[in-house]
Amino acid sequence: MQNSESRLREFRRRVGASAQDVADATQLATTTITRIELGDVECKLGTATRILAWTDATAKKYRVPVSDRVTPGDLLRPPEAQ
């Protein structure tokens, strides 16, 4: 898994979930999920928390190895140095 945006998409595809499935489970818009995956928007903390809760539960259900799971660092970008 290469970058944060594609890591979520790759995870989602690995478990057979659509962007709509993630959106429904997290109560976010499908376009929000897609834009996060593409890197078009920055993921806010609340949004990341919802997505991570879904990925964690889904990873456990499908027995996805820890090394292949989505992490907070995959979704949240550190503040830029000034």
PDB file of N, CA and C in Angstrom:
ATOM      1  N   MET A   1       0.849  -1.177   0.000  1.00  0.00           N
ATOM      2  CA  MET A   1       0.000   0.000   0.000  1.00  0.00           C
ATOM      3  C   MET A   1       0.888   1.231   0.000  1.00  0.00           C
ATOM      4  N   GLN A   2       0.662   2.096  -0.944  1.00  0.00           N
ATOM      5  CA  GLN A   2       1.619   3.155  -1.186  1.00  0.00           C
ATOM      6  C   GLN A   2       1.374   4.443  -0.413  1.00  0.00           C
ATOM      7  N   ASN A   3       0.258   5.091  -0.594  1.00  0.00           N
ATOM      8  CA  ASN A   3       0.034   6.342   0.121  1.00  0.00           C
ATOM      9  C   ASN A   3      -1.265   6.272   0.904  1.00  0.00           C
ATOM     10  N   SER A   4      -1.505   7.291   1.716  1.00  0.00           N
ATOM     11  CA  SER A   4      -2.647   7.248   2.620  1.00  0.00           C
ATOM     12  C   SER A   4      -3.969   7.126   1.881  1.00  0.00           C
ATOM     13  N   GLU A   5      -4.107   7.832   0.791  1.00  0.00           N
ATOM     14  CA  GLU A   5      -5.364   7.798   0.064  1.00  0.00           C
ATOM     15  C   GLU A   5      -5.604   6.420  -0.544  1.00  0.00           C
ATOM     16  N   SER A   6      -4.599   5.850  -1.174  1.00  0.00           N
ATOM     17  CA  SER A   6      -4.781   4.549  -1.796  1.00  0.00           C
ATOM     18  C   SER A   6      -4.791   3.425  -0.760  1.00  0.00           C
ATOM     19  N   ARG A   7      -4.233   3.653   0.406  1.00  0.00           N
ATOM     20  CA  ARG A   7      -4.238   2.620   1.453  1.00  0.00           C
ATOM     21  C   ARG A   7      -5.674   2.328   1.890  1.00  0.00           C
ATOM     22  N   LEU A   8      -6.468   3.345   2.083  1.00  0.00           N
ATOM     23  CA  LEU A   8      -7.870   3.150   2.445  1.00  0.00           C
ATOM     24  C   LEU A   8      -8.607   2.438   1.316  1.00  0.00           C
ATOM     25  N   ARG A   9      -8.396   2.862   0.103  1.00  0.00           N
ATOM     26  CA  ARG A   9      -9.064   2.242  -1.044  1.00  0.00           C
ATOM     27  C   ARG A   9      -8.644   0.780  -1.187  1.00  0.00           C
ATOM     28  N   GLU A  10      -7.360   0.506  -1.037  1.00  0.00           N
ATOM     29  CA  GLU A  10      -6.876  -0.866  -1.155  1.00  0.00           C
ATOM     30  C   GLU A  10      -7.468  -1.744  -0.056  1.00  0.00           C
ATOM     31  N   PHE A  11      -7.528  -1.213   1.153  1.00  0.00           N
ATOM     32  CA  PHE A  11      -8.132  -1.957   2.257  1.00  0.00           C
ATOM     33  C   PHE A  11      -9.602  -2.244   1.955  1.00  0.00           C
ATOM     34  N   ARG A  12     -10.304  -1.228   1.527  1.00  0.00           N
ATOM     35  CA  ARG A  12     -11.720  -1.367   1.222  1.00  0.00           C
ATOM     36  C   ARG A  12     -11.954  -2.439   0.158  1.00  0.00           C
ATOM     37  N   ARG A  13     -11.153  -2.403  -0.879  1.00  0.00           N
ATOM     38  CA  ARG A  13     -11.290  -3.390  -1.947  1.00  0.00           C
ATOM     39  C   ARG A  13     -10.910  -4.792  -1.473  1.00  0.00           C
ATOM     40  N   ARG A  14      -9.920  -4.863  -0.603  1.00  0.00           N
ATOM     41  CA  ARG A  14      -9.481  -6.165  -0.083  1.00  0.00           C
ATOM     42  C   ARG A  14     -10.612  -6.885   0.643  1.00  0.00           C
ATOM     43  N   VAL A  15     -11.428  -6.121   1.360  1.00  0.00           N
ATOM     44  CA  VAL A  15     -12.525  -6.724   2.117  1.00  0.00           C
ATOM     45  C   VAL A  15     -13.839  -6.726   1.331  1.00  0.00           C
ATOM     46  N   GLY A  16     -13.787  -6.277   0.081  1.00  0.00           N
ATOM     47  CA  GLY A  16     -14.971  -6.330  -0.772  1.00  0.00           C
ATOM     48  C   GLY A  16     -16.014  -5.270  -0.481  1.00  0.00           C
ATOM     49  N   ALA A  17     -15.579  -4.150   0.061  1.00  0.00           N
ATOM     50  CA  ALA A  17     -16.514  -3.070   0.396  1.00  0.00           C
ATOM     51  C   ALA A  17     -16.447  -1.963  -0.645  1.00  0.00           C
ATOM     52  N   SER A  18     -17.585  -1.386  -0.927  1.00  0.00           N
ATOM     53  CA  SER A  18     -17.630  -0.237  -1.837  1.00  0.00           C
ATOM     54  C   SER A  18     -17.488   1.043  -1.029  1.00  0.00           C
ATOM     55  N   ALA A  19     -17.254   2.138  -1.725  1.00  0.00           N
ATOM     56  CA  ALA A  19     -17.209   3.437  -1.050  1.00  0.00           C
ATOM     57  C   ALA A  19     -18.554   3.715  -0.382  1.00  0.00           C
ATOM     58  N   GLN A  20     -19.630   3.273  -1.011  1.00  0.00           N
ATOM     59  CA  GLN A  20     -20.970   3.441  -0.433  1.00  0.00           C
ATOM     60  C   GLN A  20     -21.112   2.647   0.863  1.00  0.00           C
ATOM     61  N   ASP A  21     -20.544   1.443   0.920  1.00  0.00           N
ATOM     62  CA  ASP A  21     -20.575   0.639   2.149  1.00  0.00           C
ATOM     63  C   ASP A  21     -19.889   1.378   3.298  1.00  0.00           C
ATOM     64  N   VAL A  22     -18.728   1.958   3.005  1.00  0.00           N
ATOM     65  CA  VAL A  22     -17.987   2.704   4.027  1.00  0.00           C
ATOM     66  C   VAL A  22     -18.786   3.937   4.446  1.00  0.00           C
ATOM     67  N   ALA A  23     -19.336   4.632   3.469  1.00  0.00           N
ATOM     68  CA  ALA A  23     -20.127   5.829   3.751  1.00  0.00           C
ATOM     69  C   ALA A  23     -21.320   5.494   4.648  1.00  0.00           C
ATOM     70  N   ASP A  24     -22.021   4.429   4.326  1.00  0.00           N
ATOM     71  CA  ASP A  24     -23.171   4.027   5.138  1.00  0.00           C
ATOM     72  C   ASP A  24     -22.762   3.675   6.566  1.00  0.00           C
ATOM     73  N   ALA A  25     -21.670   2.948   6.703  1.00  0.00           N
ATOM     74  CA  ALA A  25     -21.213   2.510   8.027  1.00  0.00           C
ATOM     75  C   ALA A  25     -20.681   3.657   8.876  1.00  0.00           C
ATOM     76  N   THR A  26     -20.161   4.684   8.233  1.00  0.00           N
ATOM     77  CA  THR A  26     -19.541   5.795   8.965  1.00  0.00           C
ATOM     78  C   THR A  26     -20.417   7.041   9.007  1.00  0.00           C
ATOM     79  N   GLN A  27     -21.563   6.990   8.348  1.00  0.00           N
ATOM     80  CA  GLN A  27     -22.481   8.125   8.251  1.00  0.00           C
ATOM     81  C   GLN A  27     -21.806   9.340   7.606  1.00  0.00           C
ATOM     82  N   LEU A  28     -21.009   9.052   6.581  1.00  0.00           N
ATOM     83  CA  LEU A  28     -20.362  10.094   5.787  1.00  0.00           C
ATOM     84  C   LEU A  28     -20.877   9.983   4.356  1.00  0.00           C
ATOM     85  N   ALA A  29     -20.678  11.010   3.583  1.00  0.00           N
ATOM     86  CA  ALA A  29     -21.083  10.983   2.182  1.00  0.00           C
ATOM     87  C   ALA A  29     -20.110  10.117   1.376  1.00  0.00           C
ATOM     88  N   THR A  30     -20.651   9.425   0.388  1.00  0.00           N
ATOM     89  CA  THR A  30     -19.807   8.618  -0.489  1.00  0.00           C
ATOM     90  C   THR A  30     -18.742   9.481  -1.144  1.00  0.00           C
ATOM     91  N   THR A  31     -19.111  10.693  -1.527  1.00  0.00           N
ATOM     92  CA  THR A  31     -18.138  11.584  -2.161  1.00  0.00           C
ATOM     93  C   THR A  31     -17.015  11.942  -1.203  1.00  0.00           C
ATOM     94  N   THR A  32     -17.308  12.023   0.082  1.00  0.00           N
ATOM     95  CA  THR A  32     -16.263  12.308   1.074  1.00  0.00           C
ATOM     96  C   THR A  32     -15.256  11.162   1.116  1.00  0.00           C
ATOM     97  N   ILE A  33     -15.747   9.933   1.134  1.00  0.00           N
ATOM     98  CA  ILE A  33     -14.855   8.770   1.153  1.00  0.00           C
ATOM     99  C   ILE A  33     -13.979   8.772  -0.094  1.00  0.00           C
ATOM    100  N   THR A  34     -14.588   8.969  -1.234  1.00  0.00           N
ATOM    101  CA  THR A  34     -13.853   8.972  -2.500  1.00  0.00           C
ATOM    102  C   THR A  34     -12.821  10.087  -2.543  1.00  0.00           C
ATOM    103  N   ARG A  35     -13.194  11.273  -2.098  1.00  0.00           N
ATOM    104  CA  ARG A  35     -12.257  12.407  -2.127  1.00  0.00           C
ATOM    105  C   ARG A  35     -11.094  12.196  -1.164  1.00  0.00           C
ATOM    106  N   ILE A  36     -11.333  11.548  -0.036  1.00  0.00           N
ATOM    107  CA  ILE A  36     -10.247  11.220   0.889  1.00  0.00           C
ATOM    108  C   ILE A  36      -9.305  10.218   0.238  1.00  0.00           C
ATOM    109  N   GLU A  37      -9.873   9.212  -0.398  1.00  0.00           N
ATOM    110  CA  GLU A  37      -9.053   8.197  -1.064  1.00  0.00           C
ATOM    111  C   GLU A  37      -8.195   8.803  -2.177  1.00  0.00           C
ATOM    112  N   LEU A  38      -8.734   9.773  -2.868  1.00  0.00           N
ATOM    113  CA  LEU A  38      -8.000  10.407  -3.964  1.00  0.00           C
ATOM    114  C   LEU A  38      -7.040  11.490  -3.484  1.00  0.00           C
ATOM    115  N   GLY A  39      -7.158  11.875  -2.218  1.00  0.00           N
ATOM    116  CA  GLY A  39      -6.299  12.927  -1.683  1.00  0.00           C
ATOM    117  C   GLY A  39      -6.776  14.318  -2.031  1.00  0.00           C
ATOM    118  N   ASP A  40      -8.040  14.437  -2.427  1.00  0.00           N
ATOM    119  CA  ASP A  40      -8.589  15.738  -2.806  1.00  0.00           C
ATOM    120  C   ASP A  40      -8.946  16.603  -1.603  1.00  0.00           C
ATOM    121  N   VAL A  41      -9.158  15.974  -0.449  1.00  0.00           N
ATOM    122  CA  VAL A  41      -9.476  16.710   0.778  1.00  0.00           C
ATOM    123  C   VAL A  41      -8.651  16.142   1.922  1.00  0.00           C
ATOM    124  N   GLU A  42      -8.406  16.961   2.917  1.00  0.00           N
ATOM    125  CA  GLU A  42      -7.732  16.485   4.119  1.00  0.00           C
ATOM    126  C   GLU A  42      -8.775  15.858   5.036  1.00  0.00           C
ATOM    127  N   CYS A  43      -8.410  14.787   5.641  1.00  0.00           N
ATOM    128  CA  CYS A  43      -9.302  14.080   6.549  1.00  0.00           C
ATOM    129  C   CYS A  43      -9.222  14.737   7.922  1.00  0.00           C
ATOM    130  N   LYS A  44     -10.353  15.173   8.439  1.00  0.00           N
ATOM    131  CA  LYS A  44     -10.386  15.777   9.766  1.00  0.00           C
ATOM    132  C   LYS A  44     -10.439  14.676  10.828  1.00  0.00           C
ATOM    133  N   LEU A  45     -10.107  15.045  12.047  1.00  0.00           N
ATOM    134  CA  LEU A  45     -10.001  14.080  13.139  1.00  0.00           C
ATOM    135  C   LEU A  45     -11.294  13.278  13.334  1.00  0.00           C
ATOM    136  N   GLY A  46     -12.433  13.952  13.370  1.00  0.00           N
ATOM    137  CA  GLY A  46     -13.707  13.265  13.565  1.00  0.00           C
ATOM    138  C   GLY A  46     -14.005  12.285  12.443  1.00  0.00           C
ATOM    139  N   THR A  47     -13.701  12.688  11.228  1.00  0.00           N
ATOM    140  CA  THR A  47     -13.909  11.829  10.065  1.00  0.00           C
ATOM    141  C   THR A  47     -12.970  10.631  10.134  1.00  0.00           C
ATOM    142  N   ALA A  48     -11.718  10.890  10.460  1.00  0.00           N
ATOM    143  CA  ALA A  48     -10.732   9.805  10.574  1.00  0.00           C
ATOM    144  C   ALA A  48     -11.149   8.816  11.649  1.00  0.00           C
ATOM    145  N   THR A  49     -11.673   9.301  12.754  1.00  0.00           N
ATOM    146  CA  THR A  49     -12.108   8.435  13.843  1.00  0.00           C
ATOM    147  C   THR A  49     -13.212   7.496  13.375  1.00  0.00           C
ATOM    148  N   ARG A  50     -14.168   8.025  12.620  1.00  0.00           N
ATOM    149  CA  ARG A  50     -15.257   7.184  12.099  1.00  0.00           C
ATOM    150  C   ARG A  50     -14.726   6.121  11.144  1.00  0.00           C
ATOM    151  N   ILE A  51     -13.852   6.547  10.235  1.00  0.00           N
ATOM    152  CA  ILE A  51     -13.301   5.616   9.251  1.00  0.00           C
ATOM    153  C   ILE A  51     -12.452   4.548   9.940  1.00  0.00           C
ATOM    154  N   LEU A  52     -11.644   4.962  10.901  1.00  0.00           N
ATOM    155  CA  LEU A  52     -10.785   4.000  11.613  1.00  0.00           C
ATOM    156  C   LEU A  52     -11.597   3.003  12.434  1.00  0.00           C
ATOM    157  N   ALA A  53     -12.706   3.440  13.003  1.00  0.00           N
ATOM    158  CA  ALA A  53     -13.572   2.510  13.739  1.00  0.00           C
ATOM    159  C   ALA A  53     -14.107   1.448  12.789  1.00  0.00           C
ATOM    160  N   TRP A  54     -14.520   1.880  11.598  1.00  0.00           N
ATOM    161  CA  TRP A  54     -15.015   0.921  10.606  1.00  0.00           C
ATOM    162  C   TRP A  54     -13.900  -0.006  10.128  1.00  0.00           C
ATOM    163  N   THR A  55     -12.726   0.550   9.803  1.00  0.00           N
ATOM    164  CA  THR A  55     -11.640  -0.302   9.299  1.00  0.00           C
ATOM    165  C   THR A  55     -11.176  -1.291  10.366  1.00  0.00           C
ATOM    166  N   ASP A  56     -11.155  -0.869  11.624  1.00  0.00           N
ATOM    167  CA  ASP A  56     -10.725  -1.767  12.695  1.00  0.00           C
ATOM    168  C   ASP A  56     -11.699  -2.941  12.844  1.00  0.00           C
ATOM    169  N   ALA A  57     -12.991  -2.635  12.900  1.00  0.00           N
ATOM    170  CA  ALA A  57     -13.996  -3.692  13.035  1.00  0.00           C
ATOM    171  C   ALA A  57     -13.981  -4.617  11.822  1.00  0.00           C
ATOM    172  N   THR A  58     -13.835  -4.038  10.652  1.00  0.00           N
ATOM    173  CA  THR A  58     -13.823  -4.822   9.420  1.00  0.00           C
ATOM    174  C   THR A  58     -12.565  -5.676   9.332  1.00  0.00           C
ATOM    175  N   ALA A  59     -11.435  -5.117   9.733  1.00  0.00           N
ATOM    176  CA  ALA A  59     -10.177  -5.869   9.711  1.00  0.00           C
ATOM    177  C   ALA A  59     -10.255  -7.083  10.625  1.00  0.00           C
ATOM    178  N   LYS A  60     -10.863  -6.921  11.774  1.00  0.00           N
ATOM    179  CA  LYS A  60     -11.013  -8.042  12.697  1.00  0.00           C
ATOM    180  C   LYS A  60     -11.946  -9.099  12.112  1.00  0.00           C
ATOM    181  N   LYS A  61     -13.029  -8.648  11.499  1.00  0.00           N
ATOM    182  CA  LYS A  61     -13.997  -9.575  10.909  1.00  0.00           C
ATOM    183  C   LYS A  61     -13.359 -10.419   9.809  1.00  0.00           C
ATOM    184  N   TYR A  62     -12.530  -9.777   8.981  1.00  0.00           N
ATOM    185  CA  TYR A  62     -11.903 -10.468   7.852  1.00  0.00           C
ATOM    186  C   TYR A  62     -10.480 -10.955   8.149  1.00  0.00           C
ATOM    187  N   ARG A  63     -10.064 -10.778   9.392  1.00  0.00           N
ATOM    188  CA  ARG A  63      -8.735 -11.218   9.838  1.00  0.00           C
ATOM    189  C   ARG A  63      -7.608 -10.651   8.977  1.00  0.00           C
ATOM    190  N   VAL A  64      -7.694  -9.352   8.756  1.00  0.00           N
ATOM    191  CA  VAL A  64      -6.657  -8.653   7.990  1.00  0.00           C
ATOM    192  C   VAL A  64      -5.451  -8.456   8.910  1.00  0.00           C
ATOM    193  N   PRO A  65      -4.250  -8.823   8.455  1.00  0.00           N
ATOM    194  CA  PRO A  65      -3.062  -8.650   9.296  1.00  0.00           C
ATOM    195  C   PRO A  65      -2.877  -7.179   9.703  1.00  0.00           C
ATOM    196  N   VAL A  66      -2.349  -6.987  10.884  1.00  0.00           N
ATOM    197  CA  VAL A  66      -2.127  -5.636  11.403  1.00  0.00           C
ATOM    198  C   VAL A  66      -1.315  -4.801  10.420  1.00  0.00           C
ATOM    199  N   SER A  67      -0.354  -5.394   9.771  1.00  0.00           N
ATOM    200  CA  SER A  67       0.505  -4.655   8.834  1.00  0.00           C
ATOM    201  C   SER A  67      -0.254  -4.120   7.626  1.00  0.00           C
ATOM    202  N   ASP A  68      -1.437  -4.646   7.352  1.00  0.00           N
ATOM    203  CA  ASP A  68      -2.230  -4.207   6.201  1.00  0.00           C
ATOM    204  C   ASP A  68      -3.422  -3.335   6.580  1.00  0.00           C
ATOM    205  N   ARG A  69      -3.521  -3.002   7.841  1.00  0.00           N
ATOM    206  CA  ARG A  69      -4.656  -2.191   8.294  1.00  0.00           C
ATOM    207  C   ARG A  69      -4.389  -0.697   8.083  1.00  0.00           C
ATOM    208  N   VAL A  70      -5.465   0.059   8.043  1.00  0.00           N
ATOM    209  CA  VAL A  70      -5.380   1.517   7.921  1.00  0.00           C
ATOM    210  C   VAL A  70      -5.069   2.079   9.311  1.00  0.00           C
ATOM    211  N   THR A  71      -4.134   3.013   9.381  1.00  0.00           N
ATOM    212  CA  THR A  71      -3.735   3.608  10.659  1.00  0.00           C
ATOM    213  C   THR A  71      -4.085   5.097  10.670  1.00  0.00           C
ATOM    214  N   PRO A  72      -4.081   5.730  11.843  1.00  0.00           N
ATOM    215  CA  PRO A  72      -4.332   7.174  11.880  1.00  0.00           C
ATOM    216  C   PRO A  72      -3.369   7.953  10.989  1.00  0.00           C
ATOM    217  N   GLY A  73      -2.123   7.519  10.955  1.00  0.00           N
ATOM    218  CA  GLY A  73      -1.142   8.206  10.116  1.00  0.00           C
ATOM    219  C   GLY A  73      -1.436   8.113   8.633  1.00  0.00           C
ATOM    220  N   ASP A  74      -2.228   7.110   8.250  1.00  0.00           N
ATOM    221  CA  ASP A  74      -2.614   6.980   6.849  1.00  0.00           C
ATOM    222  C   ASP A  74      -3.667   8.009   6.461  1.00  0.00           C
ATOM    223  N   LEU A  75      -4.445   8.462   7.432  1.00  0.00           N
ATOM    224  CA  LEU A  75      -5.543   9.388   7.141  1.00  0.00           C
ATOM    225  C   LEU A  75      -5.249  10.835   7.513  1.00  0.00           C
ATOM    226  N   LEU A  76      -4.488  11.024   8.571  1.00  0.00           N
ATOM    227  CA  LEU A  76      -4.236  12.386   9.075  1.00  0.00           C
ATOM    228  C   LEU A  76      -2.850  12.848   8.666  1.00  0.00           C
ATOM    229  N   ARG A  77      -2.791  14.043   8.156  1.00  0.00           N
ATOM    230  CA  ARG A  77      -1.517  14.620   7.755  1.00  0.00           C
ATOM    231  C   ARG A  77      -0.999  15.487   8.906  1.00  0.00           C
ATOM    232  N   PRO A  78       0.307  15.412   9.176  1.00  0.00           N
ATOM    233  CA  PRO A  78       0.864  16.250  10.247  1.00  0.00           C
ATOM    234  C   PRO A  78       0.799  17.728   9.839  1.00  0.00           C
ATOM    235  N   PRO A  79       0.681  18.618  10.824  1.00  0.00           N
ATOM    236  CA  PRO A  79       0.674  20.036  10.485  1.00  0.00           C
ATOM    237  C   PRO A  79       1.991  20.435   9.827  1.00  0.00           C
ATOM    238  N   GLU A  80       1.898  21.300   8.861  1.00  0.00           N
ATOM    239  CA  GLU A  80       3.098  21.737   8.155  1.00  0.00           C
ATOM    240  C   GLU A  80       3.907  22.684   9.028  1.00  0.00           C
ATOM    241  N   ALA A  81       5.218  22.541   8.955  1.00  0.00           N
ATOM    242  CA  ALA A  81       6.118  23.420   9.721  1.00  0.00           C
ATOM    243  C   ALA A  81       6.025  24.834   9.165  1.00  0.00           C
ATOM    244  N   GLN A  82       6.070  25.778  10.083  1.00  0.00           N
ATOM    245  CA  GLN A  82       5.977  27.176   9.639  1.00  0.00           C
ATOM    246  C   GLN A  82       7.306  27.822   9.576  1.00  0.00           C
TER     247      GLN A  82
END
